[in-house]
Amino acid sequence: MGRIVALPARGEVVADVRGGGRALRVSWHHDDGVAVLSLWHDHLCTGTVRVAAEDVPALVAALTEGLADGYARSAVRASPGG
């Protein structure tokens, strides 16, 4: 991988809950038709995944469905009959 580079204007950095300088960067590269997910440790990129633009909706759906499922399970546990 390589040293830190400027994050494109359309992107996001998400910190790892474990801390220690770990993060996930998401950046769009429209000219290439991909979103790049990269793993960072401090200022060093340790891995990347290039996701085709047409596959991004499935990735977003998986994240959204997983989040919704977690909330649904929490609501059941919190209900008087749960």
C-alpha atoms as a PDB file:
ATOM      1  CA  MET A   1       0.000   0.000   0.000  1.00  0.00           C
ATOM      2  CA  GLY A   2       1.359   3.468   0.554  1.00  0.00           C
ATOM      3  CA  ARG A   3       1.583   6.674   2.471  1.00  0.00           C
ATOM      4  CA  ILE A   4      -1.372   8.915   3.159  1.00  0.00           C
ATOM      5  CA  VAL A   5      -2.822  10.819   0.228  1.00  0.00           C
ATOM      6  CA  ALA A   6      -5.453  13.527   0.224  1.00  0.00           C
ATOM      7  CA  LEU A   7      -8.964  12.164   0.523  1.00  0.00           C
ATOM      8  CA  PRO A   8     -11.040  13.058  -2.545  1.00  0.00           C
ATOM      9  CA  ALA A   9     -13.755  15.684  -2.104  1.00  0.00           C
ATOM     10  CA  ARG A  10     -16.433  12.943  -2.040  1.00  0.00           C
ATOM     11  CA  GLY A  11     -15.430  10.581   0.715  1.00  0.00           C
ATOM     12  CA  GLU A  12     -15.572   9.750   4.374  1.00  0.00           C
ATOM     13  CA  VAL A  13     -13.291   8.524   7.145  1.00  0.00           C
ATOM     14  CA  VAL A  14     -14.774   6.171   9.740  1.00  0.00           C
ATOM     15  CA  ALA A  15     -12.788   5.429  12.895  1.00  0.00           C
ATOM     16  CA  ASP A  16     -12.439   1.822  14.041  1.00  0.00           C
ATOM     17  CA  VAL A  17     -14.078   1.287  17.446  1.00  0.00           C
ATOM     18  CA  ARG A  18     -10.891  -0.450  18.592  1.00  0.00           C
ATOM     19  CA  GLY A  19      -8.945   2.803  18.249  1.00  0.00           C
ATOM     20  CA  GLY A  20      -5.204   2.582  17.794  1.00  0.00           C
ATOM     21  CA  GLY A  21      -5.190   4.787  14.698  1.00  0.00           C
ATOM     22  CA  ARG A  22      -7.312   2.350  12.672  1.00  0.00           C
ATOM     23  CA  ALA A  23      -9.820   3.727  10.178  1.00  0.00           C
ATOM     24  CA  LEU A  24     -11.812   2.947   7.070  1.00  0.00           C
ATOM     25  CA  ARG A  25     -11.768   5.458   4.256  1.00  0.00           C
ATOM     26  CA  VAL A  26     -14.416   5.539   1.590  1.00  0.00           C
ATOM     27  CA  SER A  27     -13.691   7.494  -1.562  1.00  0.00           C
ATOM     28  CA  TRP A  28     -15.401   7.784  -4.921  1.00  0.00           C
ATOM     29  CA  HIS A  29     -13.431   7.598  -8.140  1.00  0.00           C
ATOM     30  CA  HIS A  30     -16.117   8.401 -10.694  1.00  0.00           C
ATOM     31  CA  ASP A  31     -13.735   8.389 -13.653  1.00  0.00           C
ATOM     32  CA  ASP A  32     -12.947   4.742 -12.869  1.00  0.00           C
ATOM     33  CA  GLY A  33     -16.533   3.844 -11.910  1.00  0.00           C
ATOM     34  CA  VAL A  34     -15.548   2.620  -8.442  1.00  0.00           C
ATOM     35  CA  ALA A  35     -15.762   3.384  -4.765  1.00  0.00           C
ATOM     36  CA  VAL A  36     -12.569   2.548  -2.913  1.00  0.00           C
ATOM     37  CA  LEU A  37     -12.702   1.227   0.644  1.00  0.00           C
ATOM     38  CA  SER A  38      -9.288   1.477   2.229  1.00  0.00           C
ATOM     39  CA  LEU A  39      -8.012   0.345   5.614  1.00  0.00           C
ATOM     40  CA  TRP A  40      -5.668   2.684   7.422  1.00  0.00           C
ATOM     41  CA  HIS A  41      -3.426   2.409  10.442  1.00  0.00           C
ATOM     42  CA  ASP A  42      -2.358   5.891  11.423  1.00  0.00           C
ATOM     43  CA  HIS A  43      -0.989   7.335   8.165  1.00  0.00           C
ATOM     44  CA  LEU A  44      -0.366   4.034   6.401  1.00  0.00           C
ATOM     45  CA  CYS A  45      -2.802   2.374   4.003  1.00  0.00           C
ATOM     46  CA  THR A  46      -2.826  -1.352   4.774  1.00  0.00           C
ATOM     47  CA  GLY A  47      -5.381  -2.602   2.227  1.00  0.00           C
ATOM     48  CA  THR A  48      -7.990  -1.598  -0.320  1.00  0.00           C
ATOM     49  CA  VAL A  49     -11.097  -2.929  -1.993  1.00  0.00           C
ATOM     50  CA  ARG A  50     -12.351  -1.357  -5.214  1.00  0.00           C
ATOM     51  CA  VAL A  51     -16.139  -1.751  -5.413  1.00  0.00           C
ATOM     52  CA  ALA A  52     -17.783  -1.291  -8.819  1.00  0.00           C
ATOM     53  CA  ALA A  53     -20.338   1.523  -8.759  1.00  0.00           C
ATOM     54  CA  GLU A  54     -23.122  -0.902  -9.703  1.00  0.00           C
ATOM     55  CA  ASP A  55     -22.286  -3.054  -6.636  1.00  0.00           C
ATOM     56  CA  VAL A  56     -22.425  -0.174  -4.141  1.00  0.00           C
ATOM     57  CA  PRO A  57     -26.235  -0.336  -3.676  1.00  0.00           C
ATOM     58  CA  ALA A  58     -25.942  -3.986  -2.550  1.00  0.00           C
ATOM     59  CA  LEU A  59     -23.208  -3.004  -0.073  1.00  0.00           C
ATOM     60  CA  VAL A  60     -25.315  -0.133   1.277  1.00  0.00           C
ATOM     61  CA  ALA A  61     -28.360  -2.423   1.520  1.00  0.00           C
ATOM     62  CA  ALA A  62     -26.364  -5.018   3.489  1.00  0.00           C
ATOM     63  CA  LEU A  63     -25.173  -2.357   5.937  1.00  0.00           C
ATOM     64  CA  THR A  64     -28.647  -0.834   6.261  1.00  0.00           C
ATOM     65  CA  GLU A  65     -30.385  -4.179   6.732  1.00  0.00           C
ATOM     66  CA  GLY A  66     -27.843  -5.239   9.343  1.00  0.00           C
ATOM     67  CA  LEU A  67     -28.317  -1.996  11.235  1.00  0.00           C
ATOM     68  CA  ALA A  68     -32.121  -2.255  11.054  1.00  0.00           C
ATOM     69  CA  ASP A  69     -31.973  -5.874  12.251  1.00  0.00           C
ATOM     70  CA  GLY A  70     -29.910  -4.810  15.252  1.00  0.00           C
ATOM     71  CA  TYR A  71     -32.442  -2.139  16.177  1.00  0.00           C
ATOM     72  CA  ALA A  72     -35.331  -4.591  15.735  1.00  0.00           C
ATOM     73  CA  ARG A  73     -33.665  -7.101  18.052  1.00  0.00           C
ATOM     74  CA  SER A  74     -33.028  -4.372  20.641  1.00  0.00           C
ATOM     75  CA  ALA A  75     -36.687  -3.322  20.493  1.00  0.00           C
ATOM     76  CA  VAL A  76     -37.860  -6.895  21.084  1.00  0.00           C
ATOM     77  CA  ARG A  77     -35.559  -7.294  24.088  1.00  0.00           C
ATOM     78  CA  ALA A  78     -36.730  -3.952  25.493  1.00  0.00           C
ATOM     79  CA  SER A  79     -40.456  -4.705  25.089  1.00  0.00           C
ATOM     80  CA  PRO A  80     -42.385  -5.916  28.159  1.00  0.00           C
ATOM     81  CA  GLY A  81     -43.028  -9.320  26.548  1.00  0.00           C
ATOM     82  CA  GLY A  82     -39.493  -9.656  25.088  1.00  0.00           C
END
